Amino acid sequence: MSNLIITGLPQYANAITHSGRFTASEILSVVVLSKSNDDILRLARLKTGSLSAVPKTAIAFGKGSKYDVNGEKRPNGIPYSSAGLIWKEFGMQLLKNEDYIEPKKLWDAIDEALFQPIDAIEAGYMPTKDYRYKALSLYQIIDMFNPWSETATDTDYNGAFETAFNLMLQIFEQTINYCLTKNFEA
């Protein structure tokens, strides 16, 4: 998806998050919103604190918004972060719109496979332990897309955000296919 992020005109956005460094939670939130939105998703990335100027028709997520880590937990104790809260509110409708068999069972499988690990890391729930060799998590892979230069501009971050979005979109779609195969085999 090119031109996902609109700049300079946040009043025309239908989704808003914070600018600067991003995490897998924000990227996955945008994927769900883009898949569940009948209209073209127009994302604005604003400085934290500017989220109070969100148009009433826009969905704000991330730091300081309704869809931020807020202490709410799943029955298994895994906290929700932006991605999980967006998935909780919009995911079921997305799956029903695609006409999947047993959307609740599929929603649960996708939540467990993709959203819970990202939410747990975002909420500081998963312990980290340093090993000499360890597999990268999806959370870490998405984090590597952030510009690492101290002189990085909003344009640099927005370009990196779109690149990470395209990867996460593929992962999301493959997770659906995987969960369908594993949970609905004949």
C-alpha atoms as a PDB file:
ATOM      1  CA  MET A   1       0.000   0.000   0.000  1.00  0.00           C
ATOM      2  CA  SER A   2       1.654   3.218  -1.016  1.00  0.00           C
ATOM      3  CA  ASN A   3       0.825   6.622   0.380  1.00  0.00           C
ATOM      4  CA  LEU A   4      -0.644   5.102   3.506  1.00  0.00           C
ATOM      5  CA  ILE A   5       0.421   8.051   5.627  1.00  0.00           C
ATOM      6  CA  ILE A   6      -0.990  11.492   4.975  1.00  0.00           C
ATOM      7  CA  THR A   7       1.095  14.412   6.108  1.00  0.00           C
ATOM      8  CA  GLY A   8       0.099  17.919   7.004  1.00  0.00           C
ATOM      9  CA  LEU A   9      -3.663  17.283   6.894  1.00  0.00           C
ATOM     10  CA  PRO A  10      -4.595  15.228   9.984  1.00  0.00           C
ATOM     11  CA  GLN A  11      -8.191  16.458   9.728  1.00  0.00           C
ATOM     12  CA  TYR A  12      -8.575  14.122   6.720  1.00  0.00           C
ATOM     13  CA  ALA A  13      -7.222  11.085   8.553  1.00  0.00           C
ATOM     14  CA  ASN A  14      -9.444   8.212   9.619  1.00  0.00           C
ATOM     15  CA  ALA A  15      -6.692   6.620  11.748  1.00  0.00           C
ATOM     16  CA  ILE A  16      -4.141   8.412  13.911  1.00  0.00           C
ATOM     17  CA  THR A  17      -1.165   7.277  15.968  1.00  0.00           C
ATOM     18  CA  HIS A  18       1.993   8.881  17.335  1.00  0.00           C
ATOM     19  CA  SER A  19       4.952   9.901  15.209  1.00  0.00           C
ATOM     20  CA  GLY A  20       8.563   8.812  15.676  1.00  0.00           C
ATOM     21  CA  ARG A  21       9.594   5.303  16.684  1.00  0.00           C
ATOM     22  CA  PHE A  22       6.980   2.636  16.134  1.00  0.00           C
ATOM     23  CA  THR A  23       6.490  -0.890  17.392  1.00  0.00           C
ATOM     24  CA  ALA A  24       4.915  -4.042  16.053  1.00  0.00           C
ATOM     25  CA  SER A  25       1.769  -3.135  17.981  1.00  0.00           C
ATOM     26  CA  GLU A  26       1.184   0.064  15.995  1.00  0.00           C
ATOM     27  CA  ILE A  27       2.025  -1.621  12.702  1.00  0.00           C
ATOM     28  CA  LEU A  28      -0.318  -4.550  13.387  1.00  0.00           C
ATOM     29  CA  SER A  29      -3.052  -2.115  14.440  1.00  0.00           C
ATOM     30  CA  VAL A  30      -2.777  -0.373  11.069  1.00  0.00           C
ATOM     31  CA  VAL A  31      -2.966  -3.727   9.264  1.00  0.00           C
ATOM     32  CA  VAL A  32      -6.218  -4.645  11.041  1.00  0.00           C
ATOM     33  CA  LEU A  33      -7.704  -1.202  10.448  1.00  0.00           C
ATOM     34  CA  SER A  34      -6.726  -1.303   6.776  1.00  0.00           C
ATOM     35  CA  LYS A  35      -8.330  -4.733   6.338  1.00  0.00           C
ATOM     36  CA  SER A  36     -11.497  -3.874   8.259  1.00  0.00           C
ATOM     37  CA  ASN A  37     -12.063  -0.422   6.778  1.00  0.00           C
ATOM     38  CA  ASP A  38     -14.338  -0.285   3.730  1.00  0.00           C
ATOM     39  CA  ASP A  39     -12.801   3.041   2.820  1.00  0.00           C
ATOM     40  CA  ILE A  40      -9.124   3.676   2.078  1.00  0.00           C
ATOM     41  CA  LEU A  41      -7.191   3.944   5.306  1.00  0.00           C
ATOM     42  CA  ARG A  42      -5.696   7.403   5.695  1.00  0.00           C
ATOM     43  CA  LEU A  43      -3.212   7.374   8.583  1.00  0.00           C
ATOM     44  CA  ALA A  44      -1.771  10.464  10.258  1.00  0.00           C
ATOM     45  CA  ARG A  45       1.202  10.166  12.593  1.00  0.00           C
ATOM     46  CA  LEU A  46       1.153  13.014  15.108  1.00  0.00           C
ATOM     47  CA  LYS A  47       3.410  14.032  17.940  1.00  0.00           C
ATOM     48  CA  THR A  48       2.354  12.480  21.250  1.00  0.00           C
ATOM     49  CA  GLY A  49       0.094  14.960  22.983  1.00  0.00           C
ATOM     50  CA  SER A  50      -1.515  16.004  19.696  1.00  0.00           C
ATOM     51  CA  LEU A  51      -3.866  13.041  19.865  1.00  0.00           C
ATOM     52  CA  SER A  52      -6.405  15.281  21.587  1.00  0.00           C
ATOM     53  CA  ALA A  53      -6.902  17.023  18.204  1.00  0.00           C
ATOM     54  CA  VAL A  54      -8.156  13.813  16.593  1.00  0.00           C
ATOM     55  CA  PRO A  55     -11.158  14.228  14.288  1.00  0.00           C
ATOM     56  CA  LYS A  56     -14.289  12.572  15.743  1.00  0.00           C
ATOM     57  CA  THR A  57     -14.435  10.175  12.782  1.00  0.00           C
ATOM     58  CA  ALA A  58     -10.829   8.980  13.249  1.00  0.00           C
ATOM     59  CA  ILE A  59      -9.593   6.072  15.321  1.00  0.00           C
ATOM     60  CA  ALA A  60      -6.638   7.055  17.495  1.00  0.00           C
ATOM     61  CA  PHE A  61      -4.398   4.305  18.833  1.00  0.00           C
ATOM     62  CA  GLY A  62      -1.084   4.029  20.632  1.00  0.00           C
ATOM     63  CA  LYS A  63       0.330   6.219  23.373  1.00  0.00           C
ATOM     64  CA  GLY A  64      -2.310   8.206  25.211  1.00  0.00           C
ATOM     65  CA  SER A  65      -5.328   6.892  23.307  1.00  0.00           C
ATOM     66  CA  LYS A  66      -8.284   4.621  23.982  1.00  0.00           C
ATOM     67  CA  TYR A  67      -6.355   1.818  22.294  1.00  0.00           C
ATOM     68  CA  ASP A  68      -3.265   1.816  24.514  1.00  0.00           C
ATOM     69  CA  VAL A  69      -2.001  -0.562  27.177  1.00  0.00           C
ATOM     70  CA  ASN A  70      -4.578   0.028  29.901  1.00  0.00           C
ATOM     71  CA  GLY A  71      -4.312  -2.938  32.250  1.00  0.00           C
ATOM     72  CA  GLU A  72      -7.084  -4.939  30.566  1.00  0.00           C
ATOM     73  CA  LYS A  73      -6.122  -8.606  30.309  1.00  0.00           C
ATOM     74  CA  ARG A  74      -7.329 -11.648  28.464  1.00  0.00           C
ATOM     75  CA  PRO A  75      -8.709 -14.570  30.490  1.00  0.00           C
ATOM     76  CA  ASN A  76      -5.260 -16.216  30.268  1.00  0.00           C
ATOM     77  CA  GLY A  77      -3.615 -13.145  31.851  1.00  0.00           C
ATOM     78  CA  ILE A  78      -1.961 -11.710  28.722  1.00  0.00           C
ATOM     79  CA  PRO A  79      -2.493  -7.933  28.706  1.00  0.00           C
ATOM     80  CA  TYR A  80      -3.909  -6.105  25.714  1.00  0.00           C
ATOM     81  CA  SER A  81      -1.917  -3.430  23.903  1.00  0.00           C
ATOM     82  CA  SER A  82      -2.995  -1.317  20.930  1.00  0.00           C
ATOM     83  CA  ALA A  83      -2.885  -4.235  18.508  1.00  0.00           C
ATOM     84  CA  GLY A  84      -4.908  -6.552  20.721  1.00  0.00           C
ATOM     85  CA  LEU A  85      -7.485  -3.898  21.557  1.00  0.00           C
ATOM     86  CA  ILE A  86      -7.922  -3.025  17.862  1.00  0.00           C
ATOM     87  CA  TRP A  87      -8.163  -6.766  17.069  1.00  0.00           C
ATOM     88  CA  LYS A  88     -10.684  -7.250  19.884  1.00  0.00           C
ATOM     89  CA  GLU A  89     -12.919  -4.480  18.531  1.00  0.00           C
ATOM     90  CA  PHE A  90     -12.551  -4.912  14.755  1.00  0.00           C
ATOM     91  CA  GLY A  91     -11.151  -8.411  14.159  1.00  0.00           C
ATOM     92  CA  MET A  92     -14.360 -10.404  14.416  1.00  0.00           C
ATOM     93  CA  GLN A  93     -16.153  -8.174  11.920  1.00  0.00           C
ATOM     94  CA  LEU A  94     -13.175  -8.432   9.576  1.00  0.00           C
ATOM     95  CA  LEU A  95     -13.369 -12.241   9.681  1.00  0.00           C
ATOM     96  CA  LYS A  96     -17.164 -12.237   9.281  1.00  0.00           C
ATOM     97  CA  ASN A  97     -16.864  -9.914   6.265  1.00  0.00           C
ATOM     98  CA  GLU A  98     -14.515 -12.435   4.679  1.00  0.00           C
ATOM     99  CA  ASP A  99     -17.126 -15.130   5.351  1.00  0.00           C
ATOM    100  CA  TYR A 100     -14.802 -17.537   7.163  1.00  0.00           C
ATOM    101  CA  ILE A 101     -16.275 -20.659   8.728  1.00  0.00           C
ATOM    102  CA  GLU A 102     -16.362 -20.418  12.536  1.00  0.00           C
ATOM    103  CA  PRO A 103     -14.998 -16.862  12.779  1.00  0.00           C
ATOM    104  CA  LYS A 104     -14.804 -16.965  16.606  1.00  0.00           C
ATOM    105  CA  LYS A 105     -12.594 -20.051  16.542  1.00  0.00           C
ATOM    106  CA  LEU A 106     -10.432 -18.434  13.855  1.00  0.00           C
ATOM    107  CA  TRP A 107     -10.322 -15.138  15.797  1.00  0.00           C
ATOM    108  CA  ASP A 108      -9.068 -17.000  18.890  1.00  0.00           C
ATOM    109  CA  ALA A 109      -6.399 -18.865  16.898  1.00  0.00           C
ATOM    110  CA  ILE A 110      -5.112 -15.662  15.265  1.00  0.00           C
ATOM    111  CA  ASP A 111      -5.181 -13.843  18.601  1.00  0.00           C
ATOM    112  CA  GLU A 112      -3.075 -16.573  20.184  1.00  0.00           C
ATOM    113  CA  ALA A 113      -0.629 -16.949  17.290  1.00  0.00           C
ATOM    114  CA  LEU A 114      -0.037 -13.300  16.366  1.00  0.00           C
ATOM    115  CA  PHE A 115      -1.582 -10.765  18.736  1.00  0.00           C
ATOM    116  CA  GLN A 116      -0.845 -12.197  22.176  1.00  0.00           C
ATOM    117  CA  PRO A 117       2.955 -12.362  21.751  1.00  0.00           C
ATOM    118  CA  ILE A 118       3.074  -8.772  20.457  1.00  0.00           C
ATOM    119  CA  ASP A 119       0.716  -7.518  23.168  1.00  0.00           C
ATOM    120  CA  ALA A 120       2.695  -9.300  25.880  1.00  0.00           C
ATOM    121  CA  ILE A 121       5.967  -7.682  24.810  1.00  0.00           C
ATOM    122  CA  GLU A 122       4.354  -4.252  24.359  1.00  0.00           C
ATOM    123  CA  ALA A 123       2.844  -4.421  27.847  1.00  0.00           C
ATOM    124  CA  GLY A 124       6.142  -5.554  29.405  1.00  0.00           C
ATOM    125  CA  TYR A 125       4.604  -8.884  30.315  1.00  0.00           C
ATOM    126  CA  MET A 126       7.091 -11.240  28.667  1.00  0.00           C
ATOM    127  CA  PRO A 127      10.346 -11.675  30.507  1.00  0.00           C
ATOM    128  CA  THR A 128      13.474 -11.247  28.447  1.00  0.00           C
ATOM    129  CA  LYS A 129      16.596 -13.235  29.019  1.00  0.00           C
ATOM    130  CA  ASP A 130      19.852 -12.749  27.206  1.00  0.00           C
ATOM    131  CA  TYR A 131      21.241 -15.816  25.499  1.00  0.00           C
ATOM    132  CA  ARG A 132      24.225 -15.920  23.208  1.00  0.00           C
ATOM    133  CA  TYR A 133      21.973 -17.227  20.446  1.00  0.00           C
ATOM    134  CA  LYS A 134      18.298 -16.486  20.243  1.00  0.00           C
ATOM    135  CA  ALA A 135      15.628 -16.261  17.591  1.00  0.00           C
ATOM    136  CA  LEU A 136      14.345 -12.824  16.751  1.00  0.00           C
ATOM    137  CA  SER A 137      10.738 -12.174  17.633  1.00  0.00           C
ATOM    138  CA  LEU A 138       8.394 -10.493  15.191  1.00  0.00           C
ATOM    139  CA  TYR A 139       8.372  -7.578  17.618  1.00  0.00           C
ATOM    140  CA  GLN A 140      12.159  -7.217  17.279  1.00  0.00           C
ATOM    141  CA  ILE A 141      12.072  -7.578  13.497  1.00  0.00           C
ATOM    142  CA  ILE A 142       9.546  -4.746  13.168  1.00  0.00           C
ATOM    143  CA  ASP A 143      11.601  -2.626  15.573  1.00  0.00           C
ATOM    144  CA  MET A 144      14.593  -2.970  13.219  1.00  0.00           C
ATOM    145  CA  PHE A 145      12.657  -1.068  10.543  1.00  0.00           C
ATOM    146  CA  ASN A 146      12.870   2.130  12.625  1.00  0.00           C
ATOM    147  CA  PRO A 147      15.531   4.561  11.438  1.00  0.00           C
ATOM    148  CA  TRP A 148      18.525   4.405  13.760  1.00  0.00           C
ATOM    149  CA  SER A 149      20.065   7.747  12.837  1.00  0.00           C
ATOM    150  CA  GLU A 150      19.730  10.550  15.349  1.00  0.00           C
ATOM    151  CA  THR A 151      19.019  12.861  12.406  1.00  0.00           C
ATOM    152  CA  ALA A 152      16.093  10.798  11.103  1.00  0.00           C
ATOM    153  CA  THR A 153      13.152  12.920  10.004  1.00  0.00           C
ATOM    154  CA  ASP A 154       9.416  12.293  10.112  1.00  0.00           C
ATOM    155  CA  THR A 155       9.703  11.428   6.412  1.00  0.00           C
ATOM    156  CA  ASP A 156      12.305   8.766   7.252  1.00  0.00           C
ATOM    157  CA  TYR A 157      10.061   7.311   9.965  1.00  0.00           C
ATOM    158  CA  ASN A 158       6.983   7.385   7.743  1.00  0.00           C
ATOM    159  CA  GLY A 159       8.806   5.559   4.928  1.00  0.00           C
ATOM    160  CA  ALA A 160      10.059   2.941   7.390  1.00  0.00           C
ATOM    161  CA  PHE A 161       6.544   2.636   8.854  1.00  0.00           C
ATOM    162  CA  GLU A 162       5.104   1.878   5.393  1.00  0.00           C
ATOM    163  CA  THR A 163       7.812  -0.714   4.714  1.00  0.00           C
ATOM    164  CA  ALA A 164       7.092  -2.422   8.046  1.00  0.00           C
ATOM    165  CA  PHE A 165       3.352  -2.221   7.303  1.00  0.00           C
ATOM    166  CA  ASN A 166       3.799  -4.111   4.017  1.00  0.00           C
ATOM    167  CA  LEU A 167       5.718  -6.887   5.772  1.00  0.00           C
ATOM    168  CA  MET A 168       3.181  -7.103   8.612  1.00  0.00           C
ATOM    169  CA  LEU A 169       0.311  -7.231   6.112  1.00  0.00           C
ATOM    170  CA  GLN A 170       1.879 -10.315   4.528  1.00  0.00           C
ATOM    171  CA  ILE A 171       2.451 -11.886   7.947  1.00  0.00           C
ATOM    172  CA  PHE A 172      -1.142 -11.176   8.990  1.00  0.00           C
ATOM    173  CA  GLU A 173      -2.563 -12.759   5.828  1.00  0.00           C
ATOM    174  CA  GLN A 174      -0.264 -15.769   6.172  1.00  0.00           C
ATOM    175  CA  THR A 175      -1.280 -16.152   9.832  1.00  0.00           C
ATOM    176  CA  ILE A 176      -4.919 -16.331   8.757  1.00  0.00           C
ATOM    177  CA  ASN A 177      -4.055 -19.032   6.207  1.00  0.00           C
ATOM    178  CA  TYR A 178      -1.955 -20.925   8.753  1.00  0.00           C
ATOM    179  CA  CYS A 179      -4.666 -20.782  11.425  1.00  0.00           C
ATOM    180  CA  LEU A 180      -7.294 -21.896   8.907  1.00  0.00           C
ATOM    181  CA  THR A 181      -5.151 -24.883   7.953  1.00  0.00           C
ATOM    182  CA  LYS A 182      -4.217 -25.879  11.503  1.00  0.00           C
ATOM    183  CA  ASN A 183      -7.634 -25.336  13.087  1.00  0.00           C
ATOM    184  CA  PHE A 184      -9.994 -26.538  10.377  1.00  0.00           C
ATOM    185  CA  GLU A 185      -8.214 -29.534   8.849  1.00  0.00           C
ATOM    186  CA  ALA A 186     -10.511 -32.304   7.699  1.00  0.00           C
END
